[in-house]
PDB file of N, CA and C in Angstrom:
ATOM      1  N   MET A   1       0.915  -1.238   0.086  1.00  0.00           N
ATOM      2  CA  MET A   1      -0.252  -0.474   0.132  1.00  0.00           C
ATOM      3  C   MET A   1       0.924   0.983  -0.146  1.00  0.00           C
ATOM      4  N   ASN A   2       0.586   1.990  -0.968  1.00  0.00           N
ATOM      5  CA  ASN A   2       1.426   3.337  -1.134  1.00  0.00           C
ATOM      6  C   ASN A   2       0.953   4.491   0.093  1.00  0.00           C
ATOM      7  N   LYS A   3       1.585   4.902   1.015  1.00  0.00           N
ATOM      8  CA  LYS A   3       0.790   5.785   1.856  1.00  0.00           C
ATOM      9  C   LYS A   3       1.237   7.039   1.373  1.00  0.00           C
ATOM     10  N   THR A   4       0.152   8.153   1.313  1.00  0.00           N
ATOM     11  CA  THR A   4       0.352   9.368   1.056  1.00  0.00           C
ATOM     12  C   THR A   4       0.008  10.408   2.433  1.00  0.00           C
ATOM     13  N   TRP A   5       1.046  10.737   2.910  1.00  0.00           N
ATOM     14  CA  TRP A   5       0.925  11.686   4.281  1.00  0.00           C
ATOM     15  C   TRP A   5      -0.111  12.724   4.056  1.00  0.00           C
ATOM     16  N   VAL A   6      -0.388  13.521   4.773  1.00  0.00           N
ATOM     17  CA  VAL A   6      -1.208  14.744   4.530  1.00  0.00           C
ATOM     18  C   VAL A   6      -0.356  15.665   4.998  1.00  0.00           C
ATOM     19  N   ASN A   7      -0.265  16.706   4.237  1.00  0.00           N
ATOM     20  CA  ASN A   7       0.569  18.043   4.640  1.00  0.00           C
ATOM     21  C   ASN A   7      -0.430  18.939   5.350  1.00  0.00           C
ATOM     22  N   GLY A   8       0.265  19.498   6.194  1.00  0.00           N
ATOM     23  CA  GLY A   8      -0.628  20.764   7.006  1.00  0.00           C
ATOM     24  C   GLY A   8      -1.456  20.672   7.913  1.00  0.00           C
ATOM     25  N   LEU A   9      -1.736  19.141   8.465  1.00  0.00           N
ATOM     26  CA  LEU A   9      -2.165  18.493   9.286  1.00  0.00           C
ATOM     27  C   LEU A   9      -1.297  18.139  10.684  1.00  0.00           C
ATOM     28  N   ARG A  10      -1.242  18.506  11.766  1.00  0.00           N
ATOM     29  CA  ARG A  10      -0.553  18.164  13.073  1.00  0.00           C
ATOM     30  C   ARG A  10      -1.482  17.704  14.016  1.00  0.00           C
ATOM     31  N   ILE A  11      -1.426  16.903  14.269  1.00  0.00           N
ATOM     32  CA  ILE A  11      -2.183  15.861  15.550  1.00  0.00           C
ATOM     33  C   ILE A  11      -1.346  15.854  16.958  1.00  0.00           C
ATOM     34  N   PHE A  12      -1.989  16.139  17.695  1.00  0.00           N
ATOM     35  CA  PHE A  12      -1.445  15.927  18.972  1.00  0.00           C
ATOM     36  C   PHE A  12      -1.813  15.775  20.195  1.00  0.00           C
ATOM     37  N   ASP A  13      -1.351  14.785  21.142  1.00  0.00           N
ATOM     38  CA  ASP A  13      -1.967  14.414  22.129  1.00  0.00           C
ATOM     39  C   ASP A  13      -2.678  14.846  23.005  1.00  0.00           C
ATOM     40  N   ASN A  14      -3.691  14.814  23.581  1.00  0.00           N
ATOM     41  CA  ASN A  14      -4.374  16.059  24.943  1.00  0.00           C
ATOM     42  C   ASN A  14      -4.248  14.991  26.204  1.00  0.00           C
ATOM     43  N   LYS A  15      -4.361  15.413  27.072  1.00  0.00           N
ATOM     44  CA  LYS A  15      -4.193  15.188  28.356  1.00  0.00           C
ATOM     45  C   LYS A  15      -5.937  14.722  28.865  1.00  0.00           C
ATOM     46  N   GLN A  16      -6.904  15.487  28.571  1.00  0.00           N
ATOM     47  CA  GLN A  16      -7.888  15.258  29.017  1.00  0.00           C
ATOM     48  C   GLN A  16      -8.645  14.041  28.596  1.00  0.00           C
ATOM     49  N   ASP A  17      -9.225  13.166  29.043  1.00  0.00           N
ATOM     50  CA  ASP A  17      -9.599  11.896  28.912  1.00  0.00           C
ATOM     51  C   ASP A  17     -10.934  12.144  27.911  1.00  0.00           C
ATOM     52  N   TRP A  18     -11.745  13.142  27.980  1.00  0.00           N
ATOM     53  CA  TRP A  18     -12.940  13.180  26.945  1.00  0.00           C
ATOM     54  C   TRP A  18     -12.570  13.545  25.671  1.00  0.00           C
ATOM     55  N   ILE A  19     -11.011  13.918  25.645  1.00  0.00           N
ATOM     56  CA  ILE A  19     -10.592  14.600  24.176  1.00  0.00           C
ATOM     57  C   ILE A  19      -9.620  13.316  23.661  1.00  0.00           C
ATOM     58  N   VAL A  20      -9.710  13.343  22.305  1.00  0.00           N
ATOM     59  CA  VAL A  20      -9.100  12.277  21.666  1.00  0.00           C
ATOM     60  C   VAL A  20      -7.539  12.567  21.149  1.00  0.00           C
ATOM     61  N   CYS A  21      -7.787  13.592  20.867  1.00  0.00           N
ATOM     62  CA  CYS A  21      -6.558  14.660  20.311  1.00  0.00           C
ATOM     63  C   CYS A  21      -6.733  16.051  19.977  1.00  0.00           C
ATOM     64  N   ASP A  22      -5.829  16.754  19.516  1.00  0.00           N
ATOM     65  CA  ASP A  22      -5.933  18.207  19.246  1.00  0.00           C
ATOM     66  C   ASP A  22      -5.529  18.061  17.719  1.00  0.00           C
ATOM     67  N   ILE A  23      -5.863  18.896  16.876  1.00  0.00           N
ATOM     68  CA  ILE A  23      -5.217  18.929  15.337  1.00  0.00           C
ATOM     69  C   ILE A  23      -5.265  20.537  15.314  1.00  0.00           C
ATOM     70  N   LYS A  24      -4.247  20.819  14.452  1.00  0.00           N
ATOM     71  CA  LYS A  24      -3.976  22.308  13.997  1.00  0.00           C
ATOM     72  C   LYS A  24      -3.265  22.090  12.570  1.00  0.00           C
ATOM     73  N   ILE A  25      -4.246  23.007  12.017  1.00  0.00           N
ATOM     74  CA  ILE A  25      -4.123  22.808  10.173  1.00  0.00           C
ATOM     75  C   ILE A  25      -3.599  24.274  10.045  1.00  0.00           C
ATOM     76  N   ASN A  26      -2.365  24.068   9.139  1.00  0.00           N
ATOM     77  CA  ASN A  26      -1.656  24.869   8.451  1.00  0.00           C
ATOM     78  C   ASN A  26      -2.220  25.134   7.316  1.00  0.00           C
ATOM     79  N   ALA A  27      -3.050  26.561   7.312  1.00  0.00           N
ATOM     80  CA  ALA A  27      -3.893  26.523   6.039  1.00  0.00           C
ATOM     81  C   ALA A  27      -3.127  26.427   4.843  1.00  0.00           C
ATOM     82  N   ASP A  28      -2.203  27.149   4.371  1.00  0.00           N
ATOM     83  CA  ASP A  28      -1.606  27.140   3.331  1.00  0.00           C
ATOM     84  C   ASP A  28      -0.825  25.879   3.080  1.00  0.00           C
ATOM     85  N   GLU A  29      -0.437  25.075   3.578  1.00  0.00           N
ATOM     86  CA  GLU A  29      -0.227  23.451   3.601  1.00  0.00           C
ATOM     87  C   GLU A  29      -1.149  22.726   3.159  1.00  0.00           C
ATOM     88  N   MET A  30      -2.414  22.839   3.719  1.00  0.00           N
ATOM     89  CA  MET A  30      -3.505  22.219   3.631  1.00  0.00           C
ATOM     90  C   MET A  30      -4.075  22.341   2.599  1.00  0.00           C
ATOM     91  N   ILE A  31      -4.082  23.685   1.837  1.00  0.00           N
ATOM     92  CA  ILE A  31      -5.017  23.995   0.541  1.00  0.00           C
ATOM     93  C   ILE A  31      -4.240  23.692  -0.326  1.00  0.00           C
ATOM     94  N   LYS A  32      -2.682  23.878  -0.216  1.00  0.00           N
ATOM     95  CA  LYS A  32      -1.810  23.002  -1.278  1.00  0.00           C
ATOM     96  C   LYS A  32      -2.083  21.513  -1.616  1.00  0.00           C
ATOM     97  N   TRP A  33      -1.971  20.841  -0.638  1.00  0.00           N
ATOM     98  CA  TRP A  33      -2.419  19.282  -0.436  1.00  0.00           C
ATOM     99  C   TRP A  33      -3.377  18.846  -0.863  1.00  0.00           C
ATOM    100  N   ILE A  34      -4.404  19.810  -0.772  1.00  0.00           N
ATOM    101  CA  ILE A  34      -5.769  19.367  -1.019  1.00  0.00           C
ATOM    102  C   ILE A  34      -6.043  19.930  -2.601  1.00  0.00           C
ATOM    103  N   ASN A  35      -5.412  20.822  -3.179  1.00  0.00           N
ATOM    104  CA  ASN A  35      -5.136  20.989  -4.405  1.00  0.00           C
ATOM    105  C   ASN A  35      -4.400  20.052  -5.121  1.00  0.00           C
ATOM    106  N   GLU A  36      -3.508  19.449  -4.567  1.00  0.00           N
ATOM    107  CA  GLU A  36      -2.640  18.193  -5.165  1.00  0.00           C
ATOM    108  C   GLU A  36      -3.678  16.831  -5.202  1.00  0.00           C
ATOM    109  N   ASN A  37      -4.179  16.497  -4.273  1.00  0.00           N
ATOM    110  CA  ASN A  37      -5.057  15.685  -4.349  1.00  0.00           C
ATOM    111  C   ASN A  37      -6.715  15.577  -4.799  1.00  0.00           C
ATOM    112  N   ARG A  38      -7.110  16.392  -5.756  1.00  0.00           N
ATOM    113  CA  ARG A  38      -8.221  16.615  -6.196  1.00  0.00           C
ATOM    114  C   ARG A  38      -8.497  15.378  -7.031  1.00  0.00           C
ATOM    115  N   ALA A  39      -7.703  14.283  -7.330  1.00  0.00           N
ATOM    116  CA  ALA A  39      -8.290  13.351  -7.837  1.00  0.00           C
ATOM    117  C   ALA A  39      -8.696  12.203  -7.046  1.00  0.00           C
ATOM    118  N   ASN A  40      -8.415  12.284  -5.444  1.00  0.00           N
ATOM    119  CA  ASN A  40      -8.849  11.640  -4.411  1.00  0.00           C
ATOM    120  C   ASN A  40     -10.344  12.088  -3.815  1.00  0.00           C
ATOM    121  N   VAL A  41     -10.893  13.169  -4.292  1.00  0.00           N
ATOM    122  CA  VAL A  41     -12.238  13.221  -4.115  1.00  0.00           C
ATOM    123  C   VAL A  41     -13.183  12.280  -4.415  1.00  0.00           C
ATOM    124  N   ASN A  42     -13.860  11.855  -3.369  1.00  0.00           N
ATOM    125  CA  ASN A  42     -15.064  10.953  -3.331  1.00  0.00           C
ATOM    126  C   ASN A  42     -16.303  11.406  -4.081  1.00  0.00           C
ATOM    127  N   GLU A  43     -17.437  10.462  -4.004  1.00  0.00           N
ATOM    128  CA  GLU A  43     -18.765  10.584  -4.684  1.00  0.00           C
ATOM    129  C   GLU A  43     -19.410  11.637  -3.380  1.00  0.00           C
ATOM    130  N   ARG A  44     -18.729  12.052  -2.466  1.00  0.00           N
ATOM    131  CA  ARG A  44     -19.632  13.006  -1.402  1.00  0.00           C
ATOM    132  C   ARG A  44     -18.936  14.571  -1.456  1.00  0.00           C
ATOM    133  N   GLY A  45     -17.798  14.376  -2.061  1.00  0.00           N
ATOM    134  CA  GLY A  45     -17.262  15.661  -2.727  1.00  0.00           C
ATOM    135  C   GLY A  45     -16.069  15.910  -1.054  1.00  0.00           C
ATOM    136  N   SER A  46     -15.535  14.815  -0.642  1.00  0.00           N
ATOM    137  CA  SER A  46     -14.601  14.742   0.361  1.00  0.00           C
ATOM    138  C   SER A  46     -13.585  14.157  -0.183  1.00  0.00           C
ATOM    139  N   ILE A  47     -12.522  14.356   0.657  1.00  0.00           N
ATOM    140  CA  ILE A  47     -11.142  13.690   0.677  1.00  0.00           C
ATOM    141  C   ILE A  47     -10.888  12.550   1.824  1.00  0.00           C
ATOM    142  N   PRO A  48     -11.260  11.314   2.132  1.00  0.00           N
ATOM    143  CA  PRO A  48     -10.607  10.590   3.139  1.00  0.00           C
ATOM    144  C   PRO A  48      -9.624  10.478   3.634  1.00  0.00           C
ATOM    145  N   ILE A  49      -9.325  10.856   4.913  1.00  0.00           N
ATOM    146  CA  ILE A  49      -8.359  11.033   5.602  1.00  0.00           C
ATOM    147  C   ILE A  49      -8.314  10.222   6.617  1.00  0.00           C
ATOM    148  N   THR A  50      -7.450   9.196   7.349  1.00  0.00           N
ATOM    149  CA  THR A  50      -7.306   8.194   8.165  1.00  0.00           C
ATOM    150  C   THR A  50      -6.113   9.104   9.294  1.00  0.00           C
ATOM    151  N   ILE A  51      -6.617   9.283  10.593  1.00  0.00           N
ATOM    152  CA  ILE A  51      -5.672   9.455  11.606  1.00  0.00           C
ATOM    153  C   ILE A  51      -5.229   8.224  12.422  1.00  0.00           C
ATOM    154  N   ALA A  52      -4.014   7.732  12.286  1.00  0.00           N
ATOM    155  CA  ALA A  52      -3.591   6.522  13.152  1.00  0.00           C
ATOM    156  C   ALA A  52      -2.615   6.961  13.957  1.00  0.00           C
ATOM    157  N   LYS A  53      -2.421   5.878  14.962  1.00  0.00           N
ATOM    158  CA  LYS A  53      -1.431   6.237  16.298  1.00  0.00           C
ATOM    159  C   LYS A  53      -0.389   5.037  16.034  1.00  0.00           C
ATOM    160  N   SER A  54       0.802   5.958  16.152  1.00  0.00           N
ATOM    161  CA  SER A  54       2.216   4.945  16.445  1.00  0.00           C
ATOM    162  C   SER A  54       2.817   4.810  17.922  1.00  0.00           C
ATOM    163  N   GLU A  55       4.122   4.300  17.942  1.00  0.00           N
ATOM    164  CA  GLU A  55       4.542   4.612  18.975  1.00  0.00           C
ATOM    165  C   GLU A  55       5.113   6.177  19.579  1.00  0.00           C
ATOM    166  N   LYS A  56       5.370   6.839  18.497  1.00  0.00           N
ATOM    167  CA  LYS A  56       5.735   8.142  18.312  1.00  0.00           C
ATOM    168  C   LYS A  56       4.348   9.007  18.418  1.00  0.00           C
ATOM    169  N   GLY A  57       3.221   8.712  18.164  1.00  0.00           N
ATOM    170  CA  GLY A  57       2.327   9.481  18.212  1.00  0.00           C
ATOM    171  C   GLY A  57       1.228   9.552  17.357  1.00  0.00           C
ATOM    172  N   TYR A  58       0.559  10.566  17.084  1.00  0.00           N
ATOM    173  CA  TYR A  58      -0.913  10.563  15.707  1.00  0.00           C
ATOM    174  C   TYR A  58       0.081  10.877  14.432  1.00  0.00           C
ATOM    175  N   TYR A  59      -0.671  10.266  13.351  1.00  0.00           N
ATOM    176  CA  TYR A  59       0.238  10.814  12.032  1.00  0.00           C
ATOM    177  C   TYR A  59      -1.292  10.659  10.945  1.00  0.00           C
ATOM    178  N   SER A  60      -1.465  11.508  10.513  1.00  0.00           N
ATOM    179  CA  SER A  60      -2.663  11.328   9.037  1.00  0.00           C
ATOM    180  C   SER A  60      -2.013  10.817   7.520  1.00  0.00           C
ATOM    181  N   MET A  61      -2.818  10.275   7.013  1.00  0.00           N
ATOM    182  CA  MET A  61      -2.672   9.763   5.644  1.00  0.00           C
ATOM    183  C   MET A  61      -3.964   9.521   4.927  1.00  0.00           C
ATOM    184  N   LEU A  62      -3.825   9.705   3.653  1.00  0.00           N
ATOM    185  CA  LEU A  62      -4.635   9.691   2.731  1.00  0.00           C
ATOM    186  C   LEU A  62      -5.487   8.157   2.921  1.00  0.00           C
ATOM    187  N   ASN A  63      -6.599   7.958   2.517  1.00  0.00           N
ATOM    188  CA  ASN A  63      -7.198   6.936   3.067  1.00  0.00           C
ATOM    189  C   ASN A  63      -7.646   6.514   1.464  1.00  0.00           C
ATOM    190  N   THR A  64      -7.167   5.330   0.876  1.00  0.00           N
ATOM    191  CA  THR A  64      -7.673   5.335  -0.542  1.00  0.00           C
ATOM    192  C   THR A  64      -8.130   3.593  -0.515  1.00  0.00           C
ATOM    193  N   TYR A  65      -8.726   3.376   0.821  1.00  0.00           N
ATOM    194  CA  TYR A  65      -9.671   1.895   0.720  1.00  0.00           C
ATOM    195  C   TYR A  65     -10.906   2.093   0.015  1.00  0.00           C
ATOM    196  N   GLU A  66     -11.002   1.355  -0.901  1.00  0.00           N
ATOM    197  CA  GLU A  66     -12.360   1.423  -1.836  1.00  0.00           C
ATOM    198  C   GLU A  66     -13.072  -0.457  -1.145  1.00  0.00           C
ATOM    199  N   VAL A  67     -14.345  -0.279  -0.957  1.00  0.00           N
ATOM    200  CA  VAL A  67     -14.944  -1.383  -0.304  1.00  0.00           C
ATOM    201  C   VAL A  67     -15.418  -1.934  -2.050  1.00  0.00           C
ATOM    202  N   GLN A  68     -15.097  -3.005  -2.279  1.00  0.00           N
ATOM    203  CA  GLN A  68     -15.322  -3.892  -3.183  1.00  0.00           C
ATOM    204  C   GLN A  68     -16.725  -4.517  -3.219  1.00  0.00           C
ATOM    205  N   LYS A  69     -17.147  -4.062  -4.189  1.00  0.00           N
ATOM    206  CA  LYS A  69     -18.842  -4.528  -4.356  1.00  0.00           C
ATOM    207  C   LYS A  69     -18.980  -6.170  -4.524  1.00  0.00           C
ATOM    208  N   SER A  70     -19.313  -7.038  -3.990  1.00  0.00           N
ATOM    209  CA  SER A  70     -19.479  -8.361  -4.186  1.00  0.00           C
ATOM    210  C   SER A  70     -20.584  -8.849  -5.234  1.00  0.00           C
ATOM    211  N   LYS A  71     -20.208  -9.652  -6.083  1.00  0.00           N
ATOM    212  CA  LYS A  71     -21.680  -9.957  -6.961  1.00  0.00           C
ATOM    213  C   LYS A  71     -22.703 -11.090  -6.212  1.00  0.00           C
ATOM    214  N   GLU A  72     -23.893 -10.959  -6.283  1.00  0.00           N
ATOM    215  CA  GLU A  72     -24.821 -11.861  -5.653  1.00  0.00           C
ATOM    216  C   GLU A  72     -24.575 -13.155  -5.792  1.00  0.00           C
ATOM    217  N   VAL A  73     -24.569 -14.174  -4.715  1.00  0.00           N
ATOM    218  CA  VAL A  73     -24.479 -15.308  -5.043  1.00  0.00           C
ATOM    219  C   VAL A  73     -25.706 -15.909  -4.331  1.00  0.00           C
ATOM    220  N   THR A  74     -25.856 -16.947  -5.311  1.00  0.00           N
ATOM    221  CA  THR A  74     -27.339 -17.902  -4.949  1.00  0.00           C
ATOM    222  C   THR A  74     -27.215 -18.783  -4.084  1.00  0.00           C
ATOM    223  N   THR A  75     -28.017 -19.432  -3.946  1.00  0.00           N
ATOM    224  CA  THR A  75     -28.231 -20.646  -2.846  1.00  0.00           C
ATOM    225  C   THR A  75     -27.230 -21.910  -3.448  1.00  0.00           C
ATOM    226  N   SER A  76     -27.621 -21.943  -4.726  1.00  0.00           N
ATOM    227  CA  SER A  76     -27.104 -23.083  -5.239  1.00  0.00           C
ATOM    228  C   SER A  76     -25.334 -23.132  -5.494  1.00  0.00           C
ATOM    229  N   GLN A  77     -25.136 -21.662  -5.360  1.00  0.00           N
ATOM    230  CA  GLN A  77     -23.445 -21.444  -5.804  1.00  0.00           C
ATOM    231  C   GLN A  77     -23.046 -21.224  -4.434  1.00  0.00           C
ATOM    232  N   HIS A  78     -23.909 -21.132  -3.470  1.00  0.00           N
ATOM    233  CA  HIS A  78     -23.298 -21.112  -1.934  1.00  0.00           C
ATOM    234  C   HIS A  78     -23.186 -22.438  -1.370  1.00  0.00           C
ATOM    235  N   SER A  79     -24.003 -23.045  -1.438  1.00  0.00           N
ATOM    236  CA  SER A  79     -23.985 -24.423  -1.137  1.00  0.00           C
ATOM    237  C   SER A  79     -24.260 -25.345  -1.886  1.00  0.00           C
ATOM    238  N   PRO A  80     -23.146 -25.854  -2.940  1.00  0.00           N
ATOM    239  CA  PRO A  80     -23.828 -26.862  -4.407  1.00  0.00           C
ATOM    240  C   PRO A  80     -23.829 -28.182  -3.990  1.00  0.00           C
ATOM    241  N   ASP A  81     -23.663 -28.509  -2.593  1.00  0.00           N
ATOM    242  CA  ASP A  81     -23.963 -30.315  -2.075  1.00  0.00           C
ATOM    243  C   ASP A  81     -25.341 -30.219  -1.552  1.00  0.00           C
ATOM    244  N   ARG A  82     -26.023 -29.087  -1.308  1.00  0.00           N
ATOM    245  CA  ARG A  82     -27.244 -29.242  -1.215  1.00  0.00           C
ATOM    246  C   ARG A  82     -28.386 -29.452  -2.614  1.00  0.00           C
ATOM    247  N   GLU A  83     -29.306 -29.956  -2.077  1.00  0.00           N
ATOM    248  CA  GLU A  83     -30.582 -30.104  -3.073  1.00  0.00           C
ATOM    249  C   GLU A  83     -31.482 -29.233  -2.908  1.00  0.00           C
ATOM    250  N   PRO A  84     -32.521 -28.398  -3.940  1.00  0.00           N
ATOM    251  CA  PRO A  84     -32.996 -27.286  -3.361  1.00  0.00           C
ATOM    252  C   PRO A  84     -34.294 -28.033  -2.620  1.00  0.00           C
ATOM    253  N   VAL A  85     -34.919 -27.241  -2.207  1.00  0.00           N
ATOM    254  CA  VAL A  85     -36.317 -27.307  -1.317  1.00  0.00           C
ATOM    255  C   VAL A  85     -37.426 -28.174  -1.915  1.00  0.00           C
ATOM    256  N   ALA A  86     -37.698 -27.533  -3.302  1.00  0.00           N
ATOM    257  CA  ALA A  86     -38.895 -28.213  -3.845  1.00  0.00           C
ATOM    258  C   ALA A  86     -38.458 -29.515  -4.149  1.00  0.00           C
ATOM    259  N   VAL A  87     -36.992 -30.198  -4.737  1.00  0.00           N
ATOM    260  CA  VAL A  87     -36.584 -31.372  -5.123  1.00  0.00           C
ATOM    261  C   VAL A  87     -36.829 -32.350  -3.520  1.00  0.00           C
ATOM    262  N   ARG A  88     -36.325 -31.884  -2.251  1.00  0.00           N
ATOM    263  CA  ARG A  88     -36.151 -32.218  -1.163  1.00  0.00           C
ATOM    264  C   ARG A  88     -37.536 -32.823  -0.548  1.00  0.00           C
ATOM    265  N   ASN A  89     -38.603 -31.914  -0.771  1.00  0.00           N
ATOM    266  CA  ASN A  89     -40.048 -31.763  -0.250  1.00  0.00           C
ATOM    267  C   ASN A  89     -40.434 -32.915  -0.967  1.00  0.00           C
ATOM    268  N   ALA A  90     -40.278 -33.220  -2.505  1.00  0.00           N
ATOM    269  CA  ALA A  90     -41.142 -34.253  -3.462  1.00  0.00           C
ATOM    270  C   ALA A  90     -40.419 -35.611  -2.896  1.00  0.00           C
ATOM    271  N   VAL A  91     -38.867 -35.828  -2.755  1.00  0.00           N
ATOM    272  CA  VAL A  91     -38.960 -37.042  -1.984  1.00  0.00           C
ATOM    273  C   VAL A  91     -39.339 -37.408  -0.766  1.00  0.00           C
ATOM    274  N   ASN A  92     -39.619 -36.451   0.015  1.00  0.00           N
ATOM    275  CA  ASN A  92     -39.680 -36.679   1.545  1.00  0.00           C
ATOM    276  C   ASN A  92     -41.576 -36.617   1.691  1.00  0.00           C
ATOM    277  N   ASP A  93     -42.098 -36.526   0.467  1.00  0.00           N
ATOM    278  CA  ASP A  93     -43.503 -36.543   0.929  1.00  0.00           C
ATOM    279  C   ASP A  93     -44.416 -37.521   1.589  1.00  0.00           C
ATOM    280  N   ASN A  94     -43.744 -38.781   1.776  1.00  0.00           N
ATOM    281  CA  ASN A  94     -44.579 -39.790   2.310  1.00  0.00           C
ATOM    282  C   ASN A  94     -44.231 -40.101   3.686  1.00  0.00           C
ATOM    283  N   LEU A  95     -43.612 -38.613   4.431  1.00  0.00           N
ATOM    284  CA  LEU A  95     -42.970 -38.537   5.770  1.00  0.00           C
ATOM    285  C   LEU A  95     -44.357 -38.033   6.335  1.00  0.00           C
ATOM    286  N   PRO A  96     -45.067 -38.713   7.708  1.00  0.00           N
ATOM    287  CA  PRO A  96     -46.067 -38.440   8.581  1.00  0.00           C
ATOM    288  C   PRO A  96     -45.722 -37.015   9.199  1.00  0.00           C
ATOM    289  N   PHE A  97     -44.608 -36.177   9.042  1.00  0.00           N
ATOM    290  CA  PHE A  97     -44.474 -35.088   9.700  1.00  0.00           C
ATOM    291  C   PHE A  97     -43.748 -33.514   8.836  1.00  0.00           C
TER     292      PHE A  97
END
């Protein structure tokens, strides 16, 4: 995975229990970074950024993960060794229950 670091975004630890972190934005660096990453704007008009934590502290990077849409799977494809309900009912019609 090729990581793209976010320029202009600084993340700091905060000592308060109810605050996750502090973020400071250098406006000039951030505007430049946004303009350089216009190709990564998603369908909602935003650029996804991930905030991660390492041993040295927090860092930010461009989130390029895309959900893979899977094709619909039928019952016979999912469980090919099982016979359809209609066939099973026809075979077991003489059962008293």
